[in-house]
Amino acid sequence: MSDEMADKTEAFLLGEPAEADAAFWRQVAREHAEALGGESTINGRNALRKVAYHNARDYRVTRTPLAG
């Protein structure tokens, strides 16, 4: 794959698909936090802090050079 094509693929993957993935995992984390008691328990508060870990801006695409 050419560098140009790899750049386009990376830009696509880090756009809407990454945002949708991060939103899904934030929702899962929120539900988990609520199951642990939400704001009313230590475990729930700790879990709620982790919701922010799912941020699409932190996603990266790793390129692996092919042996050739």
N, C-alpha and C. Protein backbone atom coordinates (compact mmCIF):
# COMPACT_ATOMS: atom_id res chain seq x y z
N MET A 1 0.84 -1.16 0.00
CA MET A 1 0.00 0.00 0.00
C MET A 1 0.90 1.24 0.00
N SER A 2 0.54 2.20 -0.79
CA SER A 2 1.34 3.42 -0.87
C SER A 2 1.14 4.26 0.39
N ASP A 3 2.09 5.15 0.66
CA ASP A 3 1.97 6.04 1.80
C ASP A 3 0.73 6.93 1.67
N GLU A 4 0.42 7.34 0.45
CA GLU A 4 -0.73 8.20 0.23
C GLU A 4 -2.02 7.46 0.60
N MET A 5 -2.13 6.23 0.16
CA MET A 5 -3.31 5.42 0.48
C MET A 5 -3.37 5.15 1.99
N ALA A 6 -2.23 4.89 2.60
CA ALA A 6 -2.19 4.65 4.04
C ALA A 6 -2.64 5.90 4.80
N ASP A 7 -2.23 7.09 4.33
CA ASP A 7 -2.65 8.34 4.96
C ASP A 7 -4.16 8.51 4.86
N LYS A 8 -4.72 8.21 3.71
CA LYS A 8 -6.18 8.34 3.53
C LYS A 8 -6.93 7.35 4.42
N THR A 9 -6.41 6.14 4.50
CA THR A 9 -7.05 5.12 5.34
C THR A 9 -6.99 5.53 6.80
N GLU A 10 -5.85 6.04 7.23
CA GLU A 10 -5.70 6.49 8.61
C GLU A 10 -6.67 7.63 8.92
N ALA A 11 -6.76 8.59 8.02
CA ALA A 11 -7.66 9.72 8.22
C ALA A 11 -9.11 9.24 8.34
N PHE A 12 -9.49 8.27 7.51
CA PHE A 12 -10.84 7.73 7.57
C PHE A 12 -11.09 7.02 8.90
N LEU A 13 -10.17 6.15 9.29
CA LEU A 13 -10.36 5.35 10.51
C LEU A 13 -10.40 6.21 11.76
N LEU A 14 -9.67 7.32 11.76
CA LEU A 14 -9.63 8.17 12.94
C LEU A 14 -10.75 9.20 12.94
N GLY A 15 -11.61 9.15 11.95
CA GLY A 15 -12.75 10.07 11.87
C GLY A 15 -13.97 9.50 12.56
N GLU A 16 -15.04 9.39 11.79
CA GLU A 16 -16.33 8.95 12.33
C GLU A 16 -16.30 7.56 12.97
N PRO A 17 -15.62 6.56 12.37
CA PRO A 17 -15.60 5.25 13.03
C PRO A 17 -14.96 5.29 14.42
N ALA A 18 -13.91 6.08 14.59
CA ALA A 18 -13.27 6.19 15.91
C ALA A 18 -14.20 6.87 16.90
N GLU A 19 -14.90 7.90 16.47
CA GLU A 19 -15.85 8.59 17.35
C GLU A 19 -16.98 7.66 17.78
N ALA A 20 -17.50 6.86 16.85
CA ALA A 20 -18.57 5.92 17.17
C ALA A 20 -18.08 4.86 18.15
N ASP A 21 -16.87 4.37 17.95
CA ASP A 21 -16.30 3.36 18.84
C ASP A 21 -16.11 3.94 20.24
N ALA A 22 -15.55 5.12 20.32
CA ALA A 22 -15.33 5.75 21.63
C ALA A 22 -16.66 6.01 22.34
N ALA A 23 -17.67 6.47 21.60
CA ALA A 23 -18.99 6.72 22.20
C ALA A 23 -19.59 5.43 22.75
N PHE A 24 -19.44 4.34 22.02
CA PHE A 24 -19.95 3.05 22.48
C PHE A 24 -19.29 2.67 23.80
N TRP A 25 -17.96 2.77 23.88
CA TRP A 25 -17.24 2.35 25.08
C TRP A 25 -17.48 3.31 26.25
N ARG A 26 -17.72 4.60 25.97
CA ARG A 26 -18.10 5.53 27.05
C ARG A 26 -19.44 5.12 27.64
N GLN A 27 -20.38 4.71 26.77
CA GLN A 27 -21.70 4.27 27.26
C GLN A 27 -21.57 3.00 28.10
N VAL A 28 -20.75 2.06 27.65
CA VAL A 28 -20.52 0.83 28.42
C VAL A 28 -19.92 1.19 29.79
N ALA A 29 -18.96 2.11 29.79
CA ALA A 29 -18.32 2.51 31.05
C ALA A 29 -19.33 3.18 31.98
N ARG A 30 -20.21 4.04 31.43
CA ARG A 30 -21.24 4.69 32.26
C ARG A 30 -22.18 3.66 32.88
N GLU A 31 -22.62 2.69 32.07
CA GLU A 31 -23.51 1.65 32.58
C GLU A 31 -22.83 0.84 33.68
N HIS A 32 -21.56 0.55 33.49
CA HIS A 32 -20.80 -0.19 34.49
C HIS A 32 -20.72 0.62 35.78
N ALA A 33 -20.43 1.92 35.65
CA ALA A 33 -20.34 2.78 36.82
C ALA A 33 -21.67 2.83 37.57
N GLU A 34 -22.77 2.93 36.83
CA GLU A 34 -24.09 2.96 37.47
C GLU A 34 -24.37 1.64 38.18
N ALA A 35 -23.96 0.53 37.58
CA ALA A 35 -24.15 -0.78 38.20
C ALA A 35 -23.36 -0.90 39.51
N LEU A 36 -22.27 -0.15 39.60
CA LEU A 36 -21.45 -0.16 40.81
C LEU A 36 -21.92 0.86 41.85
N GLY A 37 -23.01 1.57 41.56
CA GLY A 37 -23.56 2.50 42.53
C GLY A 37 -23.45 3.95 42.13
N GLY A 38 -22.85 4.24 40.99
CA GLY A 38 -22.75 5.62 40.51
C GLY A 38 -22.03 6.53 41.48
N GLU A 39 -22.52 7.75 41.60
CA GLU A 39 -21.89 8.76 42.46
C GLU A 39 -21.97 8.42 43.95
N SER A 40 -22.85 7.50 44.32
CA SER A 40 -23.07 7.23 45.75
C SER A 40 -22.07 6.24 46.35
N THR A 41 -21.21 5.65 45.54
CA THR A 41 -20.22 4.70 46.08
C THR A 41 -18.83 5.04 45.54
N ILE A 42 -17.84 4.63 46.30
CA ILE A 42 -16.44 4.84 45.87
C ILE A 42 -16.18 4.13 44.54
N ASN A 43 -16.60 2.87 44.44
CA ASN A 43 -16.36 2.11 43.20
C ASN A 43 -17.06 2.76 42.01
N GLY A 44 -18.28 3.24 42.22
CA GLY A 44 -19.01 3.91 41.15
C GLY A 44 -18.32 5.19 40.72
N ARG A 45 -17.85 5.98 41.69
CA ARG A 45 -17.14 7.23 41.35
C ARG A 45 -15.84 6.94 40.60
N ASN A 46 -15.12 5.91 41.04
CA ASN A 46 -13.89 5.53 40.34
C ASN A 46 -14.19 5.10 38.91
N ALA A 47 -15.25 4.33 38.73
CA ALA A 47 -15.63 3.88 37.39
C ALA A 47 -16.06 5.06 36.52
N LEU A 48 -16.77 6.02 37.09
CA LEU A 48 -17.19 7.20 36.32
C LEU A 48 -15.99 8.00 35.83
N ARG A 49 -14.93 8.06 36.61
CA ARG A 49 -13.72 8.77 36.17
C ARG A 49 -13.11 8.12 34.93
N LYS A 50 -13.29 6.84 34.80
CA LYS A 50 -12.69 6.11 33.68
C LYS A 50 -13.47 6.28 32.37
N VAL A 51 -14.65 6.85 32.43
CA VAL A 51 -15.44 7.08 31.22
C VAL A 51 -14.65 7.94 30.24
N ALA A 52 -13.94 8.92 30.75
CA ALA A 52 -13.18 9.84 29.90
C ALA A 52 -11.99 9.17 29.21
N TYR A 53 -11.60 7.99 29.65
CA TYR A 53 -10.50 7.28 29.00
C TYR A 53 -10.82 6.94 27.55
N HIS A 54 -12.09 6.83 27.22
CA HIS A 54 -12.52 6.44 25.88
C HIS A 54 -12.69 7.71 25.03
N ASN A 55 -11.57 8.16 24.48
CA ASN A 55 -11.52 9.41 23.74
C ASN A 55 -10.93 9.13 22.36
N ALA A 56 -11.70 9.37 21.32
CA ALA A 56 -11.26 9.05 19.96
C ALA A 56 -10.01 9.85 19.55
N ARG A 57 -9.80 11.01 20.16
CA ARG A 57 -8.60 11.80 19.82
C ARG A 57 -7.32 11.11 20.26
N ASP A 58 -7.45 10.15 21.18
CA ASP A 58 -6.28 9.40 21.63
C ASP A 58 -6.02 8.15 20.78
N TYR A 59 -6.92 7.84 19.87
CA TYR A 59 -6.75 6.66 19.03
C TYR A 59 -5.59 6.87 18.07
N ARG A 60 -4.89 5.83 17.77
CA ARG A 60 -3.76 5.87 16.84
C ARG A 60 -3.85 4.69 15.87
N VAL A 61 -3.31 4.89 14.70
CA VAL A 61 -3.19 3.80 13.73
C VAL A 61 -1.72 3.46 13.63
N THR A 62 -1.41 2.20 13.78
CA THR A 62 -0.02 1.75 13.70
C THR A 62 0.24 1.17 12.32
N ARG A 63 1.28 1.65 11.71
CA ARG A 63 1.66 1.11 10.40
C ARG A 63 2.76 0.08 10.59
N THR A 64 2.57 -1.04 9.95
CA THR A 64 3.55 -2.11 10.00
C THR A 64 4.16 -2.28 8.61
N PRO A 65 5.46 -2.03 8.50
CA PRO A 65 6.07 -2.20 7.17
C PRO A 65 6.12 -3.68 6.80
N LEU A 66 5.85 -3.95 5.55
CA LEU A 66 5.89 -5.32 5.06
C LEU A 66 7.31 -5.66 4.60
N ALA A 67 7.73 -6.84 4.96
CA ALA A 67 9.05 -7.29 4.49
C ALA A 67 8.93 -7.60 2.99
N GLY A 68 9.87 -7.13 2.26
CA GLY A 68 9.65 -7.36 0.85
C GLY A 68 10.89 -7.51 0.12
